[in-house]
Amino acid sequence: MDDYIGRRGLLEPAHLKSLTRRSDARGLIQLASHAGAIAITGVTLACTWGTWWCVPVFVLHGMLLNYLYAGQHECSHWTAFKSRHLNNAVGRVFGFLMFYPRDEDRWYHFTHHRHTQDLDKDPEIDRRRIVTLASFVISLSGITYWRAMFVNMVKHAQGNLWQNYLTPEQRPVVIAEARWHLAGYGAIAAVSVALGSWDAVIYWVAPLLLTKWTHQTQNLIEHTGLTHAPDTLANTRTITTIAPLRWLTWNMVYHSAHHTFPGVPFHALPALHRAIVDKIGHEPPSLGYLAFNRQMIRGLAAGKSPAETFA
């Protein structure tokens, strides 16, 4: 993805080069803070289990787990760290925790970047195809997301691949990866049953699955309702939000900037966003999480399509 640029000639080459500097230290600080937050909510969940206090802690814990995908996404771009080995290793761990094999996600995601909002070539469009209020609520809940993840993994493990963007060399890697994931999950399940332990369910699987809605808003807001023209500063949305959520998303709220220059690491995205705005003289399509959901609900309830809602 280093060779892809969504808007050539927008920034001076020297300035862009300075923004693309990667850092193991910045990546490790972000990783440690995210993992530390998960550890804190995990311990708090254990301490409050059986009381009403465990409910908000459970949601926060699940939210932190779900947004590990932001780190996996950065590792897929090899921008989370300067070290390629660190990006690969951390990306694989996150992929296992997220039930989303890393190599499959990486090749899927690169196709999405190269063909963003292309109705015929962007594979992400099918995952967020929304035509009614009911389909929006179901998508937001995470039900369709998890169903697709688990069905795909099982089919891939069986050697059933239908993705036309996978090369002949990539296909056996995706098959082997799915098999290793399923074997790992099976081993964890077997050990849990043997020990009579529910820890994996309480602190990992259940929070991850049941709070997917906290992450689906991010997945849906990035492109839904925007143009299908090949312009990353028009077909991708920047999310306006508070600092804690910018940290949680590894700055993926600056999604227009990320799609325009995907080789820029997460910690430089705020500066990249400011540079782009200074250059074009206005903000790219921007919206907050609550405003997006409110507009989607009102538009769909009125019989409008997402494109009509955000026109």
C-alpha atoms as a PDB file:
ATOM      1  CA  MET A   1       0.000   0.000   0.000  1.00  0.00           C
ATOM      2  CA  ASP A   2       3.050   2.286   0.200  1.00  0.00           C
ATOM      3  CA  ASP A   3       2.820   2.922  -3.543  1.00  0.00           C
ATOM      4  CA  TYR A   4      -0.812   4.050  -3.453  1.00  0.00           C
ATOM      5  CA  ILE A   5      -1.706   7.746  -3.216  1.00  0.00           C
ATOM      6  CA  GLY A   6      -5.300   8.909  -3.427  1.00  0.00           C
ATOM      7  CA  ARG A   7      -4.504  12.455  -4.540  1.00  0.00           C
ATOM      8  CA  ARG A   8      -1.186  12.998  -6.289  1.00  0.00           C
ATOM      9  CA  GLY A   9       0.363  16.449  -6.265  1.00  0.00           C
ATOM     10  CA  LEU A  10      -1.660  17.592  -3.256  1.00  0.00           C
ATOM     11  CA  LEU A  11       1.282  17.959  -0.850  1.00  0.00           C
ATOM     12  CA  GLU A  12       4.918  18.795  -1.395  1.00  0.00           C
ATOM     13  CA  PRO A  13       7.006  15.593  -1.625  1.00  0.00           C
ATOM     14  CA  ALA A  14       9.333  16.694   1.190  1.00  0.00           C
ATOM     15  CA  HIS A  15       6.410  17.434   3.501  1.00  0.00           C
ATOM     16  CA  LEU A  16       4.743  14.133   2.683  1.00  0.00           C
ATOM     17  CA  LYS A  17       8.007  12.274   3.277  1.00  0.00           C
ATOM     18  CA  SER A  18       8.319  13.843   6.731  1.00  0.00           C
ATOM     19  CA  LEU A  19       4.788  12.713   7.582  1.00  0.00           C
ATOM     20  CA  THR A  20       5.444   9.114   6.528  1.00  0.00           C
ATOM     21  CA  ARG A  21       8.213   8.539   9.083  1.00  0.00           C
ATOM     22  CA  ARG A  22       7.317   5.496  11.161  1.00  0.00           C
ATOM     23  CA  SER A  23       8.236   4.945  14.766  1.00  0.00           C
ATOM     24  CA  ASP A  24       8.542   1.822  16.885  1.00  0.00           C
ATOM     25  CA  ALA A  25       8.388   3.995  20.019  1.00  0.00           C
ATOM     26  CA  ARG A  26       5.120   5.710  19.049  1.00  0.00           C
ATOM     27  CA  GLY A  27       3.605   2.364  18.065  1.00  0.00           C
ATOM     28  CA  LEU A  28       4.682   0.655  21.286  1.00  0.00           C
ATOM     29  CA  ILE A  29       3.318   3.505  23.414  1.00  0.00           C
ATOM     30  CA  GLN A  30      -0.044   3.254  21.646  1.00  0.00           C
ATOM     31  CA  LEU A  31      -0.017  -0.541  21.960  1.00  0.00           C
ATOM     32  CA  ALA A  32       0.914  -0.441  25.649  1.00  0.00           C
ATOM     33  CA  SER A  33      -1.749   2.132  26.475  1.00  0.00           C
ATOM     34  CA  HIS A  34      -4.444   0.163  24.639  1.00  0.00           C
ATOM     35  CA  ALA A  35      -3.408  -3.164  26.167  1.00  0.00           C
ATOM     36  CA  GLY A  36      -3.104  -1.522  29.586  1.00  0.00           C
ATOM     37  CA  ALA A  37      -6.625  -0.124  29.338  1.00  0.00           C
ATOM     38  CA  ILE A  38      -7.925  -3.607  28.479  1.00  0.00           C
ATOM     39  CA  ALA A  39      -6.082  -5.058  31.476  1.00  0.00           C
ATOM     40  CA  ILE A  40      -7.609  -2.418  33.776  1.00  0.00           C
ATOM     41  CA  THR A  41     -11.158  -3.002  32.541  1.00  0.00           C
ATOM     42  CA  GLY A  42     -10.596  -6.765  32.722  1.00  0.00           C
ATOM     43  CA  VAL A  43      -9.545  -6.596  36.378  1.00  0.00           C
ATOM     44  CA  THR A  44     -12.413  -4.192  37.136  1.00  0.00           C
ATOM     45  CA  LEU A  45     -14.844  -6.544  35.425  1.00  0.00           C
ATOM     46  CA  ALA A  46     -13.631  -9.388  37.639  1.00  0.00           C
ATOM     47  CA  CYS A  47     -14.048  -7.218  40.749  1.00  0.00           C
ATOM     48  CA  THR A  48     -17.561  -6.070  39.835  1.00  0.00           C
ATOM     49  CA  TRP A  49     -18.870  -9.345  38.391  1.00  0.00           C
ATOM     50  CA  GLY A  50     -22.276 -10.165  39.811  1.00  0.00           C
ATOM     51  CA  THR A  51     -23.164  -6.527  40.478  1.00  0.00           C
ATOM     52  CA  TRP A  52     -24.832  -3.899  38.297  1.00  0.00           C
ATOM     53  CA  TRP A  53     -21.488  -2.112  38.035  1.00  0.00           C
ATOM     54  CA  CYS A  54     -20.233  -4.882  35.795  1.00  0.00           C
ATOM     55  CA  VAL A  55     -22.583  -3.792  32.989  1.00  0.00           C
ATOM     56  CA  PRO A  56     -20.878  -0.494  32.046  1.00  0.00           C
ATOM     57  CA  VAL A  57     -17.474  -2.075  32.675  1.00  0.00           C
ATOM     58  CA  PHE A  58     -18.415  -4.984  30.386  1.00  0.00           C
ATOM     59  CA  VAL A  59     -19.381  -2.534  27.618  1.00  0.00           C
ATOM     60  CA  LEU A  60     -16.183  -0.497  28.007  1.00  0.00           C
ATOM     61  CA  HIS A  61     -14.072  -3.668  28.069  1.00  0.00           C
ATOM     62  CA  GLY A  62     -15.759  -4.941  24.907  1.00  0.00           C
ATOM     63  CA  MET A  63     -15.332  -1.585  23.214  1.00  0.00           C
ATOM     64  CA  LEU A  64     -11.601  -1.625  23.939  1.00  0.00           C
ATOM     65  CA  LEU A  65     -11.362  -5.160  22.558  1.00  0.00           C
ATOM     66  CA  ASN A  66     -13.258  -4.293  19.393  1.00  0.00           C
ATOM     67  CA  TYR A  67     -11.065  -1.303  18.637  1.00  0.00           C
ATOM     68  CA  LEU A  68      -8.003  -3.523  18.629  1.00  0.00           C
ATOM     69  CA  TYR A  69      -8.983  -3.761  14.977  1.00  0.00           C
ATOM     70  CA  ALA A  70      -7.668  -0.206  14.581  1.00  0.00           C
ATOM     71  CA  GLY A  71      -4.253  -1.555  15.551  1.00  0.00           C
ATOM     72  CA  GLN A  72      -4.636  -4.560  13.277  1.00  0.00           C
ATOM     73  CA  HIS A  73      -5.527  -2.191  10.449  1.00  0.00           C
ATOM     74  CA  GLU A  74      -2.389  -0.105  11.072  1.00  0.00           C
ATOM     75  CA  CYS A  75      -0.257  -3.244  11.162  1.00  0.00           C
ATOM     76  CA  SER A  76      -1.744  -4.307   7.825  1.00  0.00           C
ATOM     77  CA  HIS A  77      -0.453  -1.041   6.360  1.00  0.00           C
ATOM     78  CA  TRP A  78       2.890  -1.646   8.122  1.00  0.00           C
ATOM     79  CA  THR A  79       2.546   1.803   9.680  1.00  0.00           C
ATOM     80  CA  ALA A  80       1.915   0.946  13.339  1.00  0.00           C
ATOM     81  CA  PHE A  81       5.652   0.387  13.821  1.00  0.00           C
ATOM     82  CA  LYS A  82       8.831   1.026  11.885  1.00  0.00           C
ATOM     83  CA  SER A  83       9.793  -2.642  12.221  1.00  0.00           C
ATOM     84  CA  ARG A  84       8.144  -4.887   9.645  1.00  0.00           C
ATOM     85  CA  HIS A  85       8.484  -7.824  12.056  1.00  0.00           C
ATOM     86  CA  LEU A  86       6.616  -5.952  14.800  1.00  0.00           C
ATOM     87  CA  ASN A  87       3.822  -5.035  12.387  1.00  0.00           C
ATOM     88  CA  ASN A  88       3.485  -8.644  11.284  1.00  0.00           C
ATOM     89  CA  ALA A  89       3.624 -10.146  14.783  1.00  0.00           C
ATOM     90  CA  VAL A  90       1.229  -7.694  16.446  1.00  0.00           C
ATOM     91  CA  GLY A  91      -1.111  -7.812  13.461  1.00  0.00           C
ATOM     92  CA  ARG A  92      -1.362 -11.605  13.723  1.00  0.00           C
ATOM     93  CA  VAL A  93      -2.066 -11.511  17.466  1.00  0.00           C
ATOM     94  CA  PHE A  94      -4.768  -8.900  16.970  1.00  0.00           C
ATOM     95  CA  GLY A  95      -6.222 -10.851  14.060  1.00  0.00           C
ATOM     96  CA  PHE A  96      -6.521 -13.933  16.249  1.00  0.00           C
ATOM     97  CA  LEU A  97      -8.174 -11.985  19.056  1.00  0.00           C
ATOM     98  CA  MET A  98     -10.560 -10.309  16.604  1.00  0.00           C
ATOM     99  CA  PHE A  99     -11.543 -13.574  14.836  1.00  0.00           C
ATOM    100  CA  TYR A 100     -10.302 -11.935  11.642  1.00  0.00           C
ATOM    101  CA  PRO A 101      -7.223 -13.619  10.121  1.00  0.00           C
ATOM    102  CA  ARG A 102      -4.600 -11.009   9.398  1.00  0.00           C
ATOM    103  CA  ASP A 103      -3.530 -11.912   5.860  1.00  0.00           C
ATOM    104  CA  GLU A 104      -7.099 -12.250   4.611  1.00  0.00           C
ATOM    105  CA  ASP A 105      -7.929  -8.862   6.124  1.00  0.00           C
ATOM    106  CA  ARG A 106      -4.802  -7.260   4.653  1.00  0.00           C
ATOM    107  CA  TRP A 107      -5.521  -8.313   1.076  1.00  0.00           C
ATOM    108  CA  TYR A 108      -9.214  -7.508   1.412  1.00  0.00           C
ATOM    109  CA  HIS A 109      -8.376  -4.098   2.828  1.00  0.00           C
ATOM    110  CA  PHE A 110      -5.838  -3.243   0.126  1.00  0.00           C
ATOM    111  CA  THR A 111      -8.508  -3.955  -2.493  1.00  0.00           C
ATOM    112  CA  HIS A 112     -10.852  -1.620  -0.630  1.00  0.00           C
ATOM    113  CA  HIS A 113      -8.208   1.117  -0.715  1.00  0.00           C
ATOM    114  CA  ARG A 114      -7.435   0.767  -4.387  1.00  0.00           C
ATOM    115  CA  HIS A 115     -11.123   0.747  -5.354  1.00  0.00           C
ATOM    116  CA  THR A 116     -12.779   2.818  -2.619  1.00  0.00           C
ATOM    117  CA  GLN A 117     -16.513   3.213  -3.264  1.00  0.00           C
ATOM    118  CA  ASP A 118     -16.239   1.514  -6.679  1.00  0.00           C
ATOM    119  CA  LEU A 119     -19.559  -0.329  -6.955  1.00  0.00           C
ATOM    120  CA  ASP A 120     -17.996  -3.151  -8.970  1.00  0.00           C
ATOM    121  CA  LYS A 121     -14.598  -3.550  -7.275  1.00  0.00           C
ATOM    122  CA  ASP A 122     -14.774  -2.396  -3.640  1.00  0.00           C
ATOM    123  CA  PRO A 123     -15.515  -5.550  -1.567  1.00  0.00           C
ATOM    124  CA  GLU A 124     -16.425  -3.485   1.489  1.00  0.00           C
ATOM    125  CA  ILE A 125     -19.583  -2.111  -0.115  1.00  0.00           C
ATOM    126  CA  ASP A 126     -21.419  -5.413   0.286  1.00  0.00           C
ATOM    127  CA  ARG A 127     -20.639  -5.489   4.019  1.00  0.00           C
ATOM    128  CA  ARG A 128     -22.346  -2.150   4.603  1.00  0.00           C
ATOM    129  CA  ARG A 129     -25.117  -2.329   2.031  1.00  0.00           C
ATOM    130  CA  ILE A 130     -28.059  -0.663   3.801  1.00  0.00           C
ATOM    131  CA  VAL A 131     -31.452  -0.028   2.206  1.00  0.00           C
ATOM    132  CA  THR A 132     -33.908  -0.005   5.131  1.00  0.00           C
ATOM    133  CA  LEU A 133     -33.971   1.080   8.759  1.00  0.00           C
ATOM    134  CA  ALA A 134     -34.137  -2.584   9.803  1.00  0.00           C
ATOM    135  CA  SER A 135     -31.022  -3.448   7.787  1.00  0.00           C
ATOM    136  CA  PHE A 136     -29.220  -0.499   9.377  1.00  0.00           C
ATOM    137  CA  VAL A 137     -30.102  -1.617  12.913  1.00  0.00           C
ATOM    138  CA  ILE A 138     -29.069  -5.201  12.167  1.00  0.00           C
ATOM    139  CA  SER A 139     -25.806  -4.048  10.618  1.00  0.00           C
ATOM    140  CA  LEU A 140     -25.108  -1.699  13.516  1.00  0.00           C
ATOM    141  CA  SER A 141     -25.698  -4.508  16.017  1.00  0.00           C
ATOM    142  CA  GLY A 142     -22.846  -6.532  14.542  1.00  0.00           C
ATOM    143  CA  ILE A 143     -24.990  -9.600  13.789  1.00  0.00           C
ATOM    144  CA  THR A 144     -24.273  -9.580  10.056  1.00  0.00           C
ATOM    145  CA  TYR A 145     -20.610  -8.760  10.680  1.00  0.00           C
ATOM    146  CA  TRP A 146     -19.965 -11.718  12.963  1.00  0.00           C
ATOM    147  CA  ARG A 147     -22.006 -14.069  10.808  1.00  0.00           C
ATOM    148  CA  ALA A 148     -19.883 -13.141   7.795  1.00  0.00           C
ATOM    149  CA  MET A 149     -16.633 -13.488   9.778  1.00  0.00           C
ATOM    150  CA  PHE A 150     -17.366 -16.984  11.083  1.00  0.00           C
ATOM    151  CA  VAL A 151     -18.960 -18.293   7.885  1.00  0.00           C
ATOM    152  CA  ASN A 152     -16.010 -17.030   5.844  1.00  0.00           C
ATOM    153  CA  MET A 153     -13.473 -18.577   8.194  1.00  0.00           C
ATOM    154  CA  VAL A 154     -15.131 -21.993   8.066  1.00  0.00           C
ATOM    155  CA  LYS A 155     -15.499 -21.882   4.287  1.00  0.00           C
ATOM    156  CA  HIS A 156     -11.904 -20.757   3.837  1.00  0.00           C
ATOM    157  CA  ALA A 157     -10.701 -23.582   6.077  1.00  0.00           C
ATOM    158  CA  GLN A 158     -12.600 -25.956   3.772  1.00  0.00           C
ATOM    159  CA  GLY A 159     -10.764 -24.494   0.784  1.00  0.00           C
ATOM    160  CA  ASN A 160     -13.811 -22.622  -0.470  1.00  0.00           C
ATOM    161  CA  LEU A 161     -12.594 -19.201  -1.624  1.00  0.00           C
ATOM    162  CA  TRP A 162     -14.647 -17.001  -3.927  1.00  0.00           C
ATOM    163  CA  GLN A 163     -12.832 -13.662  -3.562  1.00  0.00           C
ATOM    164  CA  ASN A 164     -11.647 -12.672  -7.034  1.00  0.00           C
ATOM    165  CA  TYR A 165      -9.071 -10.223  -5.670  1.00  0.00           C
ATOM    166  CA  LEU A 166      -6.960 -13.029  -4.180  1.00  0.00           C
ATOM    167  CA  THR A 167      -4.035 -14.119  -6.348  1.00  0.00           C
ATOM    168  CA  PRO A 168      -3.162 -17.804  -6.840  1.00  0.00           C
ATOM    169  CA  GLU A 169      -0.252 -17.333  -4.418  1.00  0.00           C
ATOM    170  CA  GLN A 170      -2.465 -15.759  -1.755  1.00  0.00           C
ATOM    171  CA  ARG A 171      -5.242 -18.335  -1.804  1.00  0.00           C
ATOM    172  CA  PRO A 172      -3.375 -21.185  -0.031  1.00  0.00           C
ATOM    173  CA  VAL A 173      -2.148 -18.705   2.592  1.00  0.00           C
ATOM    174  CA  VAL A 174      -5.732 -17.675   3.390  1.00  0.00           C
ATOM    175  CA  ILE A 175      -6.805 -21.327   3.615  1.00  0.00           C
ATOM    176  CA  ALA A 176      -3.940 -22.267   5.945  1.00  0.00           C
ATOM    177  CA  GLU A 177      -4.519 -19.163   8.058  1.00  0.00           C
ATOM    178  CA  ALA A 178      -8.202 -19.999   8.562  1.00  0.00           C
ATOM    179  CA  ARG A 179      -7.309 -23.551   9.590  1.00  0.00           C
ATOM    180  CA  TRP A 180      -4.737 -22.369  12.131  1.00  0.00           C
ATOM    181  CA  HIS A 181      -7.232 -19.918  13.597  1.00  0.00           C
ATOM    182  CA  LEU A 182      -9.934 -22.557  13.975  1.00  0.00           C
ATOM    183  CA  ALA A 183      -7.432 -24.961  15.510  1.00  0.00           C
ATOM    184  CA  GLY A 184      -6.379 -22.302  18.005  1.00  0.00           C
ATOM    185  CA  TYR A 185      -9.948 -21.471  18.968  1.00  0.00           C
ATOM    186  CA  GLY A 186     -10.704 -25.160  19.309  1.00  0.00           C
ATOM    187  CA  ALA A 187      -7.707 -25.634  21.609  1.00  0.00           C
ATOM    188  CA  ILE A 188      -8.786 -22.727  23.820  1.00  0.00           C
ATOM    189  CA  ALA A 189     -12.316 -24.138  23.989  1.00  0.00           C
ATOM    190  CA  ALA A 190     -10.998 -27.600  24.876  1.00  0.00           C
ATOM    191  CA  VAL A 191      -8.764 -26.265  27.659  1.00  0.00           C
ATOM    192  CA  SER A 192     -11.627 -24.140  29.017  1.00  0.00           C
ATOM    193  CA  VAL A 193     -13.948 -27.143  29.137  1.00  0.00           C
ATOM    194  CA  ALA A 194     -11.272 -29.307  30.751  1.00  0.00           C
ATOM    195  CA  LEU A 195     -10.671 -26.689  33.454  1.00  0.00           C
ATOM    196  CA  GLY A 196     -14.348 -25.849  33.834  1.00  0.00           C
ATOM    197  CA  SER A 197     -13.419 -22.206  33.193  1.00  0.00           C
ATOM    198  CA  TRP A 198     -15.583 -19.478  31.663  1.00  0.00           C
ATOM    199  CA  ASP A 199     -12.783 -16.891  31.636  1.00  0.00           C
ATOM    200  CA  ALA A 200     -12.299 -16.906  27.862  1.00  0.00           C
ATOM    201  CA  VAL A 201     -16.012 -16.262  27.393  1.00  0.00           C
ATOM    202  CA  ILE A 202     -16.368 -13.628  30.129  1.00  0.00           C
ATOM    203  CA  TYR A 203     -13.245 -11.586  29.392  1.00  0.00           C
ATOM    204  CA  TRP A 204     -12.849 -12.082  25.638  1.00  0.00           C
ATOM    205  CA  VAL A 205     -15.534 -13.705  23.472  1.00  0.00           C
ATOM    206  CA  ALA A 206     -18.720 -12.336  25.043  1.00  0.00           C
ATOM    207  CA  PRO A 207     -17.542  -8.698  25.385  1.00  0.00           C
ATOM    208  CA  LEU A 208     -16.127  -8.757  21.859  1.00  0.00           C
ATOM    209  CA  LEU A 209     -19.284 -10.152  20.239  1.00  0.00           C
ATOM    210  CA  LEU A 210     -21.928  -8.350  22.285  1.00  0.00           C
ATOM    211  CA  THR A 211     -20.416  -4.861  22.013  1.00  0.00           C
ATOM    212  CA  LYS A 212     -19.618  -4.952  18.309  1.00  0.00           C
ATOM    213  CA  TRP A 213     -22.142  -2.138  17.864  1.00  0.00           C
ATOM    214  CA  THR A 214     -19.628   0.249  19.440  1.00  0.00           C
ATOM    215  CA  HIS A 215     -17.246  -0.489  16.555  1.00  0.00           C
ATOM    216  CA  GLN A 216     -19.797  -0.868  13.776  1.00  0.00           C
ATOM    217  CA  THR A 217     -20.532   2.849  13.970  1.00  0.00           C
ATOM    218  CA  GLN A 218     -16.910   3.421  12.935  1.00  0.00           C
ATOM    219  CA  ASN A 219     -17.192   0.906  10.100  1.00  0.00           C
ATOM    220  CA  LEU A 220     -20.396   2.467   8.783  1.00  0.00           C
ATOM    221  CA  ILE A 221     -19.594   6.151   9.129  1.00  0.00           C
ATOM    222  CA  GLU A 222     -16.410   6.047   7.057  1.00  0.00           C
ATOM    223  CA  HIS A 223     -18.042   5.816   3.598  1.00  0.00           C
ATOM    224  CA  THR A 224     -21.800   5.268   3.900  1.00  0.00           C
ATOM    225  CA  GLY A 225     -23.896   7.723   1.922  1.00  0.00           C
ATOM    226  CA  LEU A 226     -20.943   9.329   0.141  1.00  0.00           C
ATOM    227  CA  THR A 227     -20.212   9.605  -3.576  1.00  0.00           C
ATOM    228  CA  HIS A 228     -18.921   6.684  -5.632  1.00  0.00           C
ATOM    229  CA  ALA A 229     -16.623   8.990  -7.575  1.00  0.00           C
ATOM    230  CA  PRO A 230     -12.904   8.048  -7.394  1.00  0.00           C
ATOM    231  CA  ASP A 231     -11.933  10.887  -5.062  1.00  0.00           C
ATOM    232  CA  THR A 232     -10.832  10.004  -1.527  1.00  0.00           C
ATOM    233  CA  LEU A 233     -11.523  13.541  -0.317  1.00  0.00           C
ATOM    234  CA  ALA A 234     -15.162  13.167  -1.350  1.00  0.00           C
ATOM    235  CA  ASN A 235     -15.940   9.447  -0.944  1.00  0.00           C
ATOM    236  CA  THR A 236     -14.431   9.099   2.550  1.00  0.00           C
ATOM    237  CA  ARG A 237     -15.601  10.767   5.738  1.00  0.00           C
ATOM    238  CA  THR A 238     -13.624  12.376   8.563  1.00  0.00           C
ATOM    239  CA  ILE A 239     -15.164  11.809  11.993  1.00  0.00           C
ATOM    240  CA  THR A 240     -15.300  14.707  14.436  1.00  0.00           C
ATOM    241  CA  THR A 241     -14.995  13.441  17.993  1.00  0.00           C
ATOM    242  CA  ILE A 242     -13.256  13.820  21.351  1.00  0.00           C
ATOM    243  CA  ALA A 243      -9.621  13.024  22.172  1.00  0.00           C
ATOM    244  CA  PRO A 244     -10.276   9.700  24.002  1.00  0.00           C
ATOM    245  CA  LEU A 245     -12.020   8.324  20.900  1.00  0.00           C
ATOM    246  CA  ARG A 246      -9.243   9.573  18.641  1.00  0.00           C
ATOM    247  CA  TRP A 247      -6.850   7.587  20.839  1.00  0.00           C
ATOM    248  CA  LEU A 248      -9.105   4.528  20.877  1.00  0.00           C
ATOM    249  CA  THR A 249      -9.377   4.469  17.073  1.00  0.00           C
ATOM    250  CA  TRP A 250      -5.636   4.962  16.554  1.00  0.00           C
ATOM    251  CA  ASN A 251      -6.579   8.229  14.790  1.00  0.00           C
ATOM    252  CA  MET A 252      -8.652   6.425  12.156  1.00  0.00           C
ATOM    253  CA  VAL A 253     -11.218   9.168  12.650  1.00  0.00           C
ATOM    254  CA  TYR A 254      -9.032  11.079  10.172  1.00  0.00           C
ATOM    255  CA  HIS A 255     -10.217   8.635   7.565  1.00  0.00           C
ATOM    256  CA  SER A 256     -10.212  10.976   4.571  1.00  0.00           C
ATOM    257  CA  ALA A 257      -6.552  11.766   5.203  1.00  0.00           C
ATOM    258  CA  HIS A 258      -5.765   8.079   5.703  1.00  0.00           C
ATOM    259  CA  HIS A 259      -7.387   7.045   2.425  1.00  0.00           C
ATOM    260  CA  THR A 260      -5.648   9.833   0.551  1.00  0.00           C
ATOM    261  CA  PHE A 261      -2.185   8.958   1.892  1.00  0.00           C
ATOM    262  CA  PRO A 262      -2.394   5.443   3.452  1.00  0.00           C
ATOM    263  CA  GLY A 263       1.374   5.274   3.933  1.00  0.00           C
ATOM    264  CA  VAL A 264       1.212   7.909   6.682  1.00  0.00           C
ATOM    265  CA  PRO A 265       1.300   6.320  10.176  1.00  0.00           C
ATOM    266  CA  PHE A 266      -1.518   6.793  12.659  1.00  0.00           C
ATOM    267  CA  HIS A 267       0.363   9.256  14.876  1.00  0.00           C
ATOM    268  CA  ALA A 268       0.889  11.681  11.954  1.00  0.00           C
ATOM    269  CA  LEU A 269      -2.720  11.667  10.721  1.00  0.00           C
ATOM    270  CA  PRO A 270      -3.803  14.793  12.670  1.00  0.00           C
ATOM    271  CA  ALA A 271      -0.962  16.762  11.066  1.00  0.00           C
ATOM    272  CA  LEU A 272      -1.767  15.262   7.671  1.00  0.00           C
ATOM    273  CA  HIS A 273      -5.420  16.231   8.050  1.00  0.00           C
ATOM    274  CA  ARG A 274      -4.483  19.834   8.863  1.00  0.00           C
ATOM    275  CA  ALA A 275      -2.114  19.976   5.883  1.00  0.00           C
ATOM    276  CA  ILE A 276      -4.820  18.720   3.520  1.00  0.00           C
ATOM    277  CA  VAL A 277      -7.386  21.206   4.829  1.00  0.00           C
ATOM    278  CA  ASP A 278      -4.883  24.030   4.451  1.00  0.00           C
ATOM    279  CA  LYS A 279      -4.210  22.938   0.882  1.00  0.00           C
ATOM    280  CA  ILE A 280      -7.802  22.467  -0.343  1.00  0.00           C
ATOM    281  CA  GLY A 281      -9.260  25.281   1.747  1.00  0.00           C
ATOM    282  CA  HIS A 282     -12.084  23.330   3.373  1.00  0.00           C
ATOM    283  CA  GLU A 283     -12.825  20.247   5.461  1.00  0.00           C
ATOM    284  CA  PRO A 284     -13.545  16.970   3.664  1.00  0.00           C
ATOM    285  CA  PRO A 285     -16.955  15.371   4.417  1.00  0.00           C
ATOM    286  CA  SER A 286     -17.106  15.387   8.227  1.00  0.00           C
ATOM    287  CA  LEU A 287     -19.603  14.210  10.819  1.00  0.00           C
ATOM    288  CA  GLY A 288     -19.770  13.006  14.418  1.00  0.00           C
ATOM    289  CA  TYR A 289     -20.852   9.508  15.468  1.00  0.00           C
ATOM    290  CA  LEU A 290     -24.146  10.567  17.069  1.00  0.00           C
ATOM    291  CA  ALA A 291     -25.010  12.927  14.205  1.00  0.00           C
ATOM    292  CA  PHE A 292     -24.350  10.155  11.679  1.00  0.00           C
ATOM    293  CA  ASN A 293     -26.595   7.656  13.444  1.00  0.00           C
ATOM    294  CA  ARG A 294     -29.303  10.266  13.963  1.00  0.00           C
ATOM    295  CA  GLN A 295     -29.286  11.244  10.276  1.00  0.00           C
ATOM    296  CA  MET A 296     -29.257   7.618   9.148  1.00  0.00           C
ATOM    297  CA  ILE A 297     -32.250   6.739  11.317  1.00  0.00           C
ATOM    298  CA  ARG A 298     -34.243   9.796  10.241  1.00  0.00           C
ATOM    299  CA  GLY A 299     -33.400   9.344   6.573  1.00  0.00           C
ATOM    300  CA  LEU A 300     -34.151   5.637   6.419  1.00  0.00           C
ATOM    301  CA  ALA A 301     -37.347   6.074   8.445  1.00  0.00           C
ATOM    302  CA  ALA A 302     -38.450   8.637   5.838  1.00  0.00           C
ATOM    303  CA  GLY A 303     -37.802   6.160   3.026  1.00  0.00           C
ATOM    304  CA  LYS A 304     -34.588   7.789   1.815  1.00  0.00           C
ATOM    305  CA  SER A 305     -31.461   5.925   0.741  1.00  0.00           C
ATOM    306  CA  PRO A 306     -28.142   6.686   2.535  1.00  0.00           C
ATOM    307  CA  ALA A 307     -27.004   8.647  -0.539  1.00  0.00           C
ATOM    308  CA  GLU A 308     -30.170  10.764  -0.423  1.00  0.00           C
ATOM    309  CA  THR A 309     -29.848  11.198   3.326  1.00  0.00           C
ATOM    310  CA  PHE A 310     -26.365  12.703   3.101  1.00  0.00           C
ATOM    311  CA  ALA A 311     -26.756  14.519  -0.216  1.00  0.00           C
END
